[in-house]
Amino acid sequence: MLRLTDIKLPLDHAEGAIEAAIRAKLGLGKDALRGYTVFRRGYDARKRNAILLIYTLDVDVADEAVILKRHADDKHVQPTPDTSYHFVAQAPAQLSHRPIVVGTGPCGLFVGLLLAQMGYRPIILDRGKAVRERTVDTWGLWRKRQLEPESNVQFGEGGAGTFSDGKLYSQISDPKHHGRKVLAEFVKAGAPEEILYVSKPHIGTFRLVTMVENMRATIESLGGEIRFKQRVDDVLVEADADGVRHVRGVELASGEQLRSDHVVMAIGHSARDTFDMLHERGVYMEPKPFSIGFRIEHPQSIIDRARFGASAGHPILGAADYKLVHHATGAHQGRGRSVYSFCMCPGGTVVAATSEPGRVVTNGMSQYSRNERNANAAIVVGIEPSDFAPFDPSGGLLAGIALQRALESRAFELGGGNYDAPGQLVGDFIAGKPSRELGSVQPSYKPGVHLTDLAPALPAYAIEAIREALPAFDRQIKGFAMHDALLTGVETRTSSPVRIRRGDDYQSLNTRGLYPAGEGAGYAGGILSAAVDGIRVAEAVALAINAAH
């Protein structure tokens, strides 16, 4: 098979255009082309009135060696790489102790799935509930202002990714094609097959719920065990004669202890009490940068027209997205800060995402159809550990969490103290005056939005940088700074505020057998990268177990 890349065709090309392009590219005769499959399909919308589809194709041809030799200098004609997954180990006949995985987000699920597929029968623990029960609890906050601290957008089966846009693309380096394994497993679990070839695949919340259930069933059928409502309150650590620390299991909130020499901590970015516990147990970690800001909402039609012009609404293109960045130059306190869009959700909704009482957090979500009236995205400012000090004068390792909590508590107060979110029209925000009534953009956040002045919601440097960035973004997407566009606060859970450091063997730097993993440990950002990290960690655990046997 040959891999052809960068095959460009018009958006509405004829049915036989792909085959014609292959023949023209390779100079093939009538019978030389045996068949082809689409490996990837993207688009180039830089010229709105001449949008192109860009294909990567796997082509079956006669005389492959001859064609490769003829195109030896063409980087767009190469042998098709092997993207299939190959297991690195199989479990020994007898296991001294089963591996434990803490967390059932994308990372924890894939650690558990891979270990189960290799025969290690993992025990998987989650503080929250199974995904259907969790969905009921999550809607309880959105509809009734009733928060369940152990079952919400952040905690429970599927992790934070379940209540999201379900984006399945990433910019991580993936030389072993682990991302392909992730997508293939998602298709087996019920995702549409198009995620295997579209350039920006997504699934949406409703489909994710069913997929998570199907993945759980697969893990259990292979001997894995998943326990819900099992919060891990301690890790059991002992030192050997040489003073080297080794994990020996976990203790649950119930007091039950589970013995294991291999514990994966895939806890997500919001398990703040677990971060506290790991810090108290001496597990090496450090503060890391993250970002803070607001959600912004526009009519999706404005984004579609700005990005696609006359092709807006085309079924292949779907709802338009965007990716924006601005480096603040004029703002006094915000000078030098990067402001950027994050977790953009076309045709989606802004959702309440807090996991702690008396706090307000926003996030974005959409369904597979992406057909809601508004587009939303986080508009956030990058911050460094040096910015955390005013929120934790002790300068502790967990100062970033203190900053998050302070901002989320302030948002709760600004929103009226009932889990409504504080909001402000973009025009009023730029002008520095409170908003009194909504314009043409109706907020999607539930339970509700309380209009106010968002300036007190974030540090002054963040407010100044965002005020500068919005008009700059308007020059890239006409209408972005429209007066009636809506800002909703606050966005604080963009990534983990700490990194639990690990070595090349994926184990904690100072605690053998403890495997920090995924977004909570600071090694992923989003569903796909977290799942890929889960595969890598599962492989490391399997190899370590086999080496010990």
Protein backbone atom coordinates (compact mmCIF):
# COMPACT_ATOMS: atom_id res chain seq x y z
CA MET A 1 0.00 0.00 0.00
CA LEU A 2 1.08 3.57 -0.68
CA ARG A 3 0.29 6.60 1.46
CA LEU A 4 -0.55 9.71 -0.56
CA THR A 5 -0.75 12.99 1.32
CA ASP A 6 -1.86 16.53 0.49
CA ILE A 7 -4.33 15.60 -2.26
CA LYS A 8 -6.39 18.77 -2.69
CA LEU A 9 -9.84 18.86 -4.27
CA PRO A 10 -12.70 21.40 -4.34
CA LEU A 11 -15.25 21.23 -1.55
CA ASP A 12 -17.98 19.96 -3.89
CA HIS A 13 -15.81 17.74 -6.07
CA ALA A 14 -17.34 15.07 -8.29
CA GLU A 15 -17.68 11.47 -7.09
CA GLY A 16 -14.81 10.17 -9.21
CA ALA A 17 -12.45 13.07 -8.51
CA ILE A 18 -10.40 11.22 -5.87
CA GLU A 19 -9.67 8.31 -8.18
CA ALA A 20 -8.78 10.72 -10.98
CA ALA A 21 -6.43 12.62 -8.67
CA ILE A 22 -4.68 9.38 -7.65
CA ARG A 23 -4.17 8.35 -11.27
CA ALA A 24 -2.86 11.80 -12.20
CA LYS A 25 -0.54 11.95 -9.20
CA LEU A 26 1.00 8.51 -9.77
CA GLY A 27 0.68 8.33 -13.55
CA LEU A 28 -1.34 5.12 -13.39
CA GLY A 29 -2.78 3.20 -16.29
CA LYS A 30 -6.27 1.74 -16.49
CA ASP A 31 -5.68 -1.43 -14.44
CA ALA A 32 -2.87 -0.26 -12.14
CA LEU A 33 -5.18 1.17 -9.41
CA ARG A 34 -6.73 -1.65 -7.39
CA GLY A 35 -8.45 0.47 -4.75
CA TYR A 36 -8.04 3.14 -2.10
CA THR A 37 -9.26 4.19 1.35
CA VAL A 38 -9.43 7.64 2.93
CA PHE A 39 -7.09 7.78 5.92
CA ARG A 40 -7.69 11.45 6.70
CA ARG A 41 -9.89 14.24 5.34
CA GLY A 42 -9.42 17.84 6.35
CA TYR A 43 -10.08 21.21 4.78
CA ASP A 44 -8.30 24.45 4.00
CA ALA A 45 -10.63 27.42 4.58
CA ARG A 46 -8.06 30.20 4.36
CA LYS A 47 -9.75 31.32 1.10
CA ARG A 48 -13.40 31.37 2.12
CA ASN A 49 -14.68 31.43 -1.46
CA ALA A 50 -12.45 28.56 -2.58
CA ILE A 51 -12.42 26.05 0.30
CA LEU A 52 -10.44 22.90 -0.45
CA LEU A 53 -10.69 19.40 0.95
CA ILE A 54 -7.31 17.85 1.75
CA TYR A 55 -7.02 14.06 1.65
CA THR A 56 -4.55 11.53 2.92
CA LEU A 57 -5.14 8.28 1.03
CA ASP A 58 -3.97 4.68 1.29
CA VAL A 59 -3.72 3.32 -2.23
CA ASP A 60 -3.44 -0.25 -3.47
CA VAL A 61 -1.53 -0.36 -6.74
CA ALA A 62 0.21 -2.82 -9.00
CA ASP A 63 3.98 -2.41 -9.29
CA GLU A 64 4.27 -0.59 -5.95
CA ALA A 65 8.07 -0.75 -5.91
CA VAL A 66 8.28 0.79 -9.38
CA ILE A 67 6.00 3.66 -8.40
CA LEU A 68 7.92 4.34 -5.19
CA LYS A 69 11.16 4.47 -7.15
CA ARG A 70 9.60 6.84 -9.69
CA HIS A 71 8.49 9.16 -6.84
CA ALA A 72 11.55 8.73 -4.62
CA ASP A 73 11.93 12.48 -4.16
CA ASP A 74 8.25 13.15 -3.44
CA LYS A 75 7.53 13.30 0.30
CA HIS A 76 3.82 12.98 -0.47
CA VAL A 77 4.22 9.45 -1.87
CA GLN A 78 5.43 6.98 0.75
CA PRO A 79 4.80 3.40 1.87
CA THR A 80 1.75 3.17 4.12
CA PRO A 81 3.02 2.96 7.73
CA ASP A 82 1.86 0.25 10.10
CA THR A 83 -0.57 2.03 12.45
CA SER A 84 -1.92 -1.15 14.07
CA TYR A 85 -1.41 -1.61 17.80
CA HIS A 86 0.94 -4.30 19.15
CA PHE A 87 0.75 -5.30 22.82
CA VAL A 88 4.07 -5.05 24.65
CA ALA A 89 3.41 -7.86 27.16
CA GLN A 90 1.01 -10.48 28.44
CA ALA A 91 0.32 -11.09 32.12
CA PRO A 92 2.19 -13.92 33.88
CA ALA A 93 0.19 -16.98 34.90
CA GLN A 94 0.16 -15.88 38.54
CA LEU A 95 -0.04 -12.28 39.72
CA SER A 96 1.19 -11.48 43.22
CA HIS A 97 -1.09 -8.43 43.35
CA ARG A 98 -3.39 -6.93 40.75
CA PRO A 99 -2.57 -3.42 39.54
CA ILE A 100 -4.80 -0.62 40.81
CA VAL A 101 -5.99 2.29 38.67
CA VAL A 102 -7.46 5.36 40.40
CA GLY A 103 -9.83 7.29 38.16
CA THR A 104 -12.08 6.43 35.21
CA GLY A 105 -11.52 9.44 33.00
CA PRO A 106 -10.07 8.91 29.51
CA CYS A 107 -6.64 8.16 30.95
CA GLY A 108 -7.80 5.76 33.65
CA LEU A 109 -10.17 3.99 31.26
CA PHE A 110 -7.38 3.31 28.79
CA VAL A 111 -4.95 2.21 31.48
CA GLY A 112 -7.62 -0.22 32.66
CA LEU A 113 -8.61 -1.32 29.16
CA LEU A 114 -5.03 -2.02 28.02
CA LEU A 115 -4.14 -3.84 31.24
CA ALA A 116 -7.29 -5.93 30.90
CA GLN A 117 -6.53 -6.71 27.26
CA MET A 118 -3.06 -7.89 28.31
CA GLY A 119 -4.52 -10.11 31.02
CA TYR A 120 -3.62 -8.17 34.20
CA ARG A 121 -7.19 -7.97 35.60
CA PRO A 122 -6.87 -4.42 37.00
CA ILE A 123 -8.91 -3.03 39.88
CA ILE A 124 -10.23 0.39 38.86
CA LEU A 125 -11.51 2.80 41.49
CA ASP A 126 -13.56 5.97 41.08
CA ARG A 127 -14.85 8.31 43.77
CA GLY A 128 -17.91 9.13 41.66
CA LYS A 129 -20.79 7.13 40.28
CA ALA A 130 -21.45 5.12 37.13
CA VAL A 131 -22.07 7.38 34.17
CA ARG A 132 -25.89 7.14 34.06
CA GLU A 133 -26.26 7.95 37.77
CA ARG A 134 -23.65 10.65 37.40
CA THR A 135 -25.60 12.22 34.55
CA VAL A 136 -28.65 12.54 36.80
CA ASP A 137 -26.55 14.24 39.49
CA THR A 138 -24.95 16.60 36.98
CA TRP A 139 -28.34 17.69 35.68
CA GLY A 140 -29.33 18.22 39.32
CA LEU A 141 -26.91 21.15 39.49
CA TRP A 142 -27.87 22.52 36.10
CA ARG A 143 -31.62 22.34 36.68
CA LYS A 144 -32.10 22.49 40.45
CA ARG A 145 -28.89 24.11 41.78
CA GLN A 146 -28.14 20.93 43.74
CA LEU A 147 -24.44 19.99 43.76
CA GLU A 148 -23.22 16.47 44.51
CA PRO A 149 -19.53 16.94 45.47
CA GLU A 150 -18.63 13.34 44.55
CA SER A 151 -20.73 13.08 41.38
CA ASN A 152 -20.65 15.97 38.91
CA VAL A 153 -18.96 17.24 35.76
CA GLN A 154 -15.53 16.50 37.24
CA PHE A 155 -16.05 13.25 39.17
CA GLY A 156 -17.52 9.97 38.02
CA GLU A 157 -17.27 7.43 35.22
CA GLY A 158 -15.82 8.97 32.07
CA GLY A 159 -14.21 11.91 33.85
CA ALA A 160 -14.55 15.54 32.79
CA GLY A 161 -14.33 14.50 29.12
CA THR A 162 -17.81 12.97 29.23
CA PHE A 163 -19.46 16.38 29.63
CA SER A 164 -17.49 18.13 26.91
CA ASP A 165 -17.37 18.62 23.18
CA GLY A 166 -15.79 15.19 22.83
CA LYS A 167 -12.92 16.50 20.70
CA LEU A 168 -10.57 13.71 19.63
CA TYR A 169 -7.60 15.54 18.18
CA SER A 170 -4.33 16.62 19.70
CA GLN A 171 -0.93 18.03 18.79
CA ILE A 172 1.05 15.53 20.86
CA SER A 173 3.92 13.58 19.33
CA ASP A 174 2.64 10.08 18.65
CA PRO A 175 5.31 8.06 16.81
CA LYS A 176 3.80 4.72 17.84
CA HIS A 177 0.31 5.66 16.57
CA HIS A 178 -1.29 5.17 19.97
CA GLY A 179 -3.90 7.74 18.99
CA ARG A 180 -5.07 5.34 16.29
CA LYS A 181 -5.57 2.66 18.95
CA VAL A 182 -7.67 5.11 20.96
CA LEU A 183 -9.89 5.96 17.99
CA ALA A 184 -10.27 2.29 17.04
CA GLU A 185 -11.38 1.39 20.58
CA PHE A 186 -13.85 4.28 20.57
CA VAL A 187 -15.36 2.99 17.32
CA LYS A 188 -15.68 -0.49 18.86
CA ALA A 189 -17.47 1.17 21.79
CA GLY A 190 -20.00 2.90 19.55
CA ALA A 191 -18.38 6.04 18.13
CA PRO A 192 -19.10 6.83 14.46
CA GLU A 193 -16.48 5.39 12.08
CA GLU A 194 -15.83 8.85 10.65
CA ILE A 195 -13.63 9.66 13.66
CA LEU A 196 -11.02 7.42 12.02
CA TYR A 197 -10.60 9.75 9.05
CA VAL A 198 -11.95 13.28 9.64
CA SER A 199 -9.24 15.70 10.63
CA LYS A 200 -11.02 17.09 13.69
CA PRO A 201 -13.15 14.24 15.02
CA HIS A 202 -15.58 14.74 17.87
CA ILE A 203 -18.29 12.68 19.52
CA GLY A 204 -20.43 14.73 21.90
CA THR A 205 -21.79 13.98 25.35
CA PHE A 206 -24.74 11.70 24.56
CA ARG A 207 -22.63 9.28 22.53
CA LEU A 208 -19.80 9.42 25.06
CA VAL A 209 -22.09 8.17 27.80
CA THR A 210 -22.92 4.97 25.90
CA MET A 211 -19.31 4.49 24.81
CA VAL A 212 -18.04 4.71 28.38
CA GLU A 213 -20.54 2.05 29.44
CA ASN A 214 -19.44 -0.23 26.61
CA MET A 215 -15.78 0.20 27.51
CA ARG A 216 -16.57 -0.69 31.10
CA ALA A 217 -18.31 -3.86 29.94
CA THR A 218 -15.26 -4.80 27.87
CA ILE A 219 -12.89 -4.33 30.81
CA GLU A 220 -15.11 -6.42 33.06
CA SER A 221 -15.44 -9.17 30.45
CA LEU A 222 -11.64 -9.44 30.42
CA GLY A 223 -11.38 -9.87 34.19
CA GLY A 224 -11.03 -6.23 35.24
CA GLU A 225 -13.01 -4.88 38.18
CA ILE A 226 -14.49 -1.37 38.37
CA ARG A 227 -15.69 0.02 41.69
CA PHE A 228 -17.64 3.26 41.96
CA LYS A 229 -18.16 5.48 45.02
CA GLN A 230 -14.72 4.37 46.22
CA ARG A 231 -12.70 7.48 47.04
CA VAL A 232 -9.01 6.85 47.68
CA ASP A 233 -8.04 8.70 50.84
CA ASP A 234 -4.47 7.42 51.22
CA VAL A 235 -1.66 5.68 49.42
CA LEU A 236 0.28 3.13 51.41
CA VAL A 237 4.00 3.76 51.18
CA GLU A 238 6.92 2.02 52.87
CA ALA A 239 10.67 2.43 52.62
CA ASP A 240 13.07 -0.46 52.07
CA ALA A 241 16.41 -0.99 53.83
CA ASP A 242 18.05 1.47 51.44
CA GLY A 243 15.46 4.15 52.15
CA VAL A 244 13.78 3.77 48.75
CA ARG A 245 10.04 4.44 48.93
CA HIS A 246 7.65 1.85 47.47
CA VAL A 247 3.88 1.99 47.08
CA ARG A 248 2.09 -0.93 48.74
CA GLY A 249 -1.52 -0.15 47.94
CA VAL A 250 -4.29 2.32 48.76
CA GLU A 251 -6.76 3.01 51.55
CA LEU A 252 -10.34 3.88 50.69
CA ALA A 253 -12.64 6.33 52.46
CA SER A 254 -14.39 3.31 53.99
CA GLY A 255 -11.13 2.28 55.68
CA GLU A 256 -10.63 -0.73 53.40
CA GLN A 257 -7.05 -1.27 52.25
CA LEU A 258 -6.20 -2.76 48.87
CA ARG A 259 -2.75 -4.26 48.42
CA SER A 260 -0.79 -3.57 45.24
CA ASP A 261 2.76 -2.78 44.17
CA HIS A 262 1.57 -0.88 41.08
CA VAL A 263 -0.86 2.02 41.54
CA VAL A 264 -1.80 4.38 38.71
CA MET A 265 -3.06 7.80 39.77
CA ALA A 266 -5.24 9.05 36.89
CA ILE A 267 -7.16 11.41 39.13
CA GLY A 268 -7.94 14.34 36.81
CA HIS A 269 -7.22 18.02 37.38
CA SER A 270 -9.90 18.63 40.03
CA ALA A 271 -9.16 16.03 42.74
CA ARG A 272 -7.80 18.68 45.06
CA ASP A 273 -8.08 16.62 48.24
CA THR A 274 -6.10 13.84 46.54
CA PHE A 275 -3.37 16.31 45.62
CA ASP A 276 -3.29 17.32 49.29
CA MET A 277 -2.98 13.68 50.37
CA LEU A 278 -0.18 12.90 47.92
CA HIS A 279 1.67 16.01 49.04
CA GLU A 280 1.32 14.98 52.69
CA ARG A 281 2.66 11.52 51.80
CA GLY A 282 5.77 13.11 50.35
CA VAL A 283 5.11 12.28 46.69
CA TYR A 284 7.24 14.63 44.60
CA MET A 285 5.24 17.30 42.78
CA GLU A 286 5.64 20.87 41.71
CA PRO A 287 3.37 23.80 40.73
CA LYS A 288 2.81 24.26 37.00
CA PRO A 289 1.42 27.02 34.80
CA PHE A 290 -2.21 26.99 33.73
CA SER A 291 -4.73 29.56 32.47
CA ILE A 292 -7.72 31.50 33.75
CA GLY A 293 -10.45 33.46 32.05
CA PHE A 294 -14.07 33.44 30.88
CA ARG A 295 -16.35 31.64 28.43
CA ILE A 296 -17.47 33.69 25.43
CA GLU A 297 -20.64 33.03 23.41
CA HIS A 298 -21.58 34.19 19.91
CA PRO A 299 -24.31 33.14 17.50
CA GLN A 300 -22.84 30.15 15.66
CA SER A 301 -23.97 31.70 12.38
CA ILE A 302 -21.52 34.58 12.84
CA ILE A 303 -18.59 32.19 13.27
CA ASP A 304 -19.74 30.09 10.31
CA ARG A 305 -19.92 33.12 7.98
CA ALA A 306 -16.60 34.50 9.18
CA ARG A 307 -14.80 31.20 8.62
CA PHE A 308 -16.59 29.71 5.61
CA GLY A 309 -18.21 32.61 3.76
CA ALA A 310 -20.76 31.41 1.20
CA SER A 311 -20.02 27.78 2.15
CA ALA A 312 -21.36 28.25 5.69
CA GLY A 313 -23.70 25.41 6.54
CA HIS A 314 -22.09 22.93 4.17
CA PRO A 315 -22.62 19.42 5.63
CA ILE A 316 -18.98 18.39 5.22
CA LEU A 317 -17.75 21.50 7.02
CA GLY A 318 -20.33 21.44 9.81
CA ALA A 319 -20.28 24.12 12.50
CA ALA A 320 -17.16 26.25 12.25
CA ASP A 321 -14.54 26.40 14.98
CA TYR A 322 -11.67 28.81 15.59
CA LYS A 323 -8.32 29.03 17.30
CA LEU A 324 -7.09 32.47 18.36
CA VAL A 325 -4.09 33.84 20.22
CA HIS A 326 -2.97 37.35 21.13
CA HIS A 327 0.14 38.52 22.96
CA ALA A 328 -0.77 41.57 25.02
CA THR A 329 1.45 44.58 24.41
CA GLY A 330 -0.44 47.70 25.49
CA ALA A 331 -2.02 46.60 28.76
CA HIS A 332 -0.04 47.80 31.77
CA GLN A 333 -0.29 44.85 34.14
CA GLY A 334 -1.21 42.42 31.36
CA ARG A 335 1.72 43.26 29.09
CA GLY A 336 3.46 40.16 27.79
CA ARG A 337 0.60 37.83 28.70
CA SER A 338 -0.75 35.38 26.14
CA VAL A 339 -4.51 35.40 25.66
CA TYR A 340 -5.95 32.53 23.65
CA SER A 341 -9.09 30.58 22.87
CA PHE A 342 -9.35 27.18 24.52
CA CYS A 343 -11.75 24.22 24.27
CA MET A 344 -13.83 25.81 21.53
CA CYS A 345 -17.28 24.19 21.27
CA PRO A 346 -19.13 24.88 17.99
CA GLY A 347 -22.90 24.74 18.34
CA GLY A 348 -22.58 23.93 22.03
CA THR A 349 -23.44 25.15 25.49
CA VAL A 350 -21.64 26.63 28.49
CA VAL A 351 -22.00 24.34 31.49
CA ALA A 352 -21.63 24.55 35.26
CA ALA A 353 -18.54 22.51 36.12
CA THR A 354 -17.83 23.06 39.80
CA SER A 355 -17.02 20.14 42.08
CA GLU A 356 -17.01 22.09 45.36
CA PRO A 357 -19.89 23.81 47.19
CA GLY A 358 -20.02 27.59 47.08
CA ARG A 359 -17.99 27.93 43.91
CA VAL A 360 -18.75 28.60 40.23
CA VAL A 361 -16.73 27.11 37.36
CA THR A 362 -17.56 27.17 33.64
CA ASN A 363 -16.75 24.72 30.88
CA GLY A 364 -17.99 24.01 27.35
CA MET A 365 -19.98 21.07 26.01
CA SER A 366 -21.68 20.04 22.78
CA GLN A 367 -23.49 17.11 21.24
CA TYR A 368 -22.44 15.22 18.14
CA SER A 369 -24.77 17.33 15.99
CA ARG A 370 -23.29 20.63 17.19
CA ASN A 371 -26.57 22.30 16.27
CA GLU A 372 -27.20 24.60 19.25
CA ARG A 373 -27.58 28.29 18.41
CA ASN A 374 -24.38 29.51 20.11
CA ALA A 375 -20.69 28.92 19.67
CA ASN A 376 -18.64 29.09 22.85
CA ALA A 377 -14.99 28.96 23.86
CA ALA A 378 -12.83 29.83 26.81
CA ILE A 379 -10.86 33.05 26.43
CA VAL A 380 -8.02 32.60 28.88
CA VAL A 381 -4.79 34.16 30.05
CA GLY A 382 -1.69 32.13 30.82
CA ILE A 383 -0.41 32.42 34.39
CA GLU A 384 2.78 31.22 36.08
CA PRO A 385 3.48 29.89 39.59
CA SER A 386 4.83 33.34 40.49
CA ASP A 387 1.25 34.64 40.06
CA PHE A 388 -0.08 32.26 42.70
CA ALA A 389 1.70 33.86 45.70
CA PRO A 390 -0.95 36.51 46.55
CA PHE A 391 -3.48 33.69 46.98
CA ASP A 392 -1.20 31.56 49.18
CA PRO A 393 1.39 33.73 50.96
CA SER A 394 3.11 30.59 52.26
CA GLY A 395 4.20 29.88 48.70
CA GLY A 396 3.19 26.25 49.00
CA LEU A 397 3.28 23.70 46.20
CA LEU A 398 -0.52 23.79 46.04
CA ALA A 399 -0.81 27.58 45.71
CA GLY A 400 -2.39 27.20 42.27
CA ILE A 401 -5.31 25.40 43.88
CA ALA A 402 -5.67 28.24 46.37
CA LEU A 403 -5.87 30.68 43.44
CA GLN A 404 -8.50 28.56 41.69
CA ARG A 405 -10.62 28.32 44.80
CA ALA A 406 -10.42 32.05 45.47
CA LEU A 407 -11.55 32.92 41.94
CA GLU A 408 -14.32 30.32 41.94
CA SER A 409 -15.64 31.57 45.30
CA ARG A 410 -15.61 35.14 44.03
CA ALA A 411 -17.54 34.06 40.91
CA PHE A 412 -20.12 32.37 43.14
CA GLU A 413 -20.64 35.65 45.01
CA LEU A 414 -20.73 37.76 41.83
CA GLY A 415 -23.31 35.38 40.38
CA GLY A 416 -25.66 35.88 43.34
CA GLY A 417 -24.64 33.00 45.60
CA ASN A 418 -26.96 30.40 44.04
CA TYR A 419 -24.72 28.77 41.38
CA ASP A 420 -25.74 31.28 38.72
CA ALA A 421 -22.66 32.47 36.85
CA PRO A 422 -21.63 36.12 36.61
CA GLY A 423 -21.88 37.45 33.06
CA GLN A 424 -21.24 40.60 31.07
CA LEU A 425 -21.75 41.71 27.49
CA VAL A 426 -18.49 42.02 25.57
CA GLY A 427 -19.17 45.65 24.67
CA ASP A 428 -19.71 46.56 28.31
CA PHE A 429 -16.67 44.54 29.40
CA ILE A 430 -14.42 46.41 26.97
CA ALA A 431 -15.94 49.74 28.07
CA GLY A 432 -15.54 48.84 31.75
CA LYS A 433 -19.17 49.23 32.77
CA PRO A 434 -21.59 46.67 34.28
CA SER A 435 -24.17 45.00 32.06
CA ARG A 436 -27.84 45.51 32.94
CA GLU A 437 -29.69 43.53 30.27
CA LEU A 438 -28.98 40.91 27.65
CA GLY A 439 -28.78 41.69 23.97
CA SER A 440 -29.22 39.36 21.00
CA VAL A 441 -27.08 36.55 22.47
CA GLN A 442 -28.99 34.42 24.94
CA PRO A 443 -26.80 32.59 27.48
CA SER A 444 -26.74 28.80 27.44
CA TYR A 445 -25.31 28.37 30.95
CA LYS A 446 -27.58 26.62 33.41
CA PRO A 447 -28.89 27.21 36.03
CA GLY A 448 -28.61 30.88 34.97
CA VAL A 449 -26.49 33.97 34.37
CA HIS A 450 -26.47 37.07 36.58
CA LEU A 451 -25.37 40.17 34.69
CA THR A 452 -22.76 42.26 36.49
CA ASP A 453 -19.25 43.68 36.10
CA LEU A 454 -16.70 40.90 35.57
CA ALA A 455 -13.67 43.06 36.37
CA PRO A 456 -13.51 41.83 40.02
CA ALA A 457 -13.69 38.18 38.88
CA LEU A 458 -10.03 37.90 37.81
CA PRO A 459 -6.75 39.60 38.70
CA ALA A 460 -6.28 42.99 37.05
CA TYR A 461 -3.58 41.73 34.68
CA ALA A 462 -5.96 39.11 33.26
CA ILE A 463 -8.79 41.61 32.81
CA GLU A 464 -6.51 44.08 31.01
CA ALA A 465 -5.06 41.42 28.73
CA ILE A 466 -8.49 40.08 27.72
CA ARG A 467 -9.80 43.60 27.09
CA GLU A 468 -6.91 44.15 24.70
CA ALA A 469 -7.29 40.75 23.03
CA LEU A 470 -11.00 40.89 22.14
CA PRO A 471 -10.73 43.72 19.55
CA ALA A 472 -7.64 41.98 18.13
CA PHE A 473 -9.65 38.78 17.73
CA ASP A 474 -12.37 40.79 15.99
CA ARG A 475 -9.86 41.64 13.26
CA GLN A 476 -9.48 37.91 12.60
CA ILE A 477 -13.14 36.93 12.99
CA LYS A 478 -15.52 39.76 12.10
CA GLY A 479 -18.09 40.13 14.86
CA PHE A 480 -16.01 38.51 17.58
CA ALA A 481 -16.07 41.68 19.70
CA MET A 482 -19.73 42.42 18.92
CA HIS A 483 -21.37 44.31 21.76
CA ASP A 484 -23.97 41.63 22.51
CA ALA A 485 -21.55 38.67 22.68
CA LEU A 486 -21.56 37.30 26.21
CA LEU A 487 -18.77 36.57 28.67
CA THR A 488 -19.48 34.14 31.52
CA GLY A 489 -17.15 33.50 34.45
CA VAL A 490 -15.02 31.86 35.51
CA GLU A 491 -12.87 29.37 33.61
CA THR A 492 -10.23 28.01 36.00
CA ARG A 493 -9.92 24.28 35.29
CA THR A 494 -8.05 24.58 31.99
CA SER A 495 -5.39 22.14 33.20
CA SER A 496 -3.89 20.81 36.40
CA PRO A 497 -2.25 23.39 38.67
CA VAL A 498 0.40 20.82 39.67
CA ARG A 499 2.67 18.30 37.97
CA ILE A 500 3.35 15.03 39.77
CA ARG A 501 6.79 14.38 38.35
CA ARG A 502 7.68 10.99 36.92
CA GLY A 503 10.71 9.42 35.26
CA ASP A 504 11.23 7.75 31.90
CA ASP A 505 9.69 4.59 33.38
CA TYR A 506 6.49 6.58 34.15
CA GLN A 507 6.93 6.03 37.89
CA SER A 508 6.99 8.80 40.50
CA LEU A 509 10.44 10.28 40.94
CA ASN A 510 10.54 9.30 44.60
CA THR A 511 7.91 6.58 45.07
CA ARG A 512 8.44 3.34 43.18
CA GLY A 513 5.32 1.65 41.85
CA LEU A 514 3.29 4.89 41.82
CA TYR A 515 2.38 5.99 38.29
CA PRO A 516 1.15 9.62 37.93
CA ALA A 517 -0.89 9.72 34.73
CA GLY A 518 -3.02 11.90 32.51
CA GLU A 519 -4.21 15.45 32.87
CA GLY A 520 -4.28 15.57 36.67
CA ALA A 521 -0.60 14.65 36.86
CA GLY A 522 0.25 17.32 34.29
CA TYR A 523 0.94 15.02 31.32
CA ALA A 524 -2.09 15.50 29.08
CA GLY A 525 -4.69 18.01 28.00
CA GLY A 526 -7.88 16.68 26.48
CA ILE A 527 -9.49 13.33 25.77
CA LEU A 528 -7.09 12.01 23.13
CA SER A 529 -3.83 13.00 24.80
CA ALA A 530 -5.07 11.65 28.15
CA ALA A 531 -6.07 8.34 26.56
CA VAL A 532 -2.71 8.06 24.79
CA ASP A 533 -0.94 8.73 28.08
CA GLY A 534 -3.07 5.95 29.57
CA ILE A 535 -1.78 3.52 26.95
CA ARG A 536 1.82 4.48 27.63
CA VAL A 537 1.37 4.11 31.38
CA ALA A 538 -0.39 0.75 30.99
CA GLU A 539 2.54 -0.51 28.94
CA ALA A 540 4.99 0.68 31.60
CA VAL A 541 3.01 -1.06 34.35
CA ALA A 542 2.83 -4.31 32.37
CA LEU A 543 6.55 -4.34 31.70
CA ALA A 544 7.35 -3.57 35.34
CA ILE A 545 5.09 -6.37 36.60
CA ASN A 546 6.64 -8.87 34.20
CA ALA A 547 10.15 -7.80 35.17
CA ALA A 548 9.28 -8.42 38.84
CA HIS A 549 8.06 -11.92 37.98
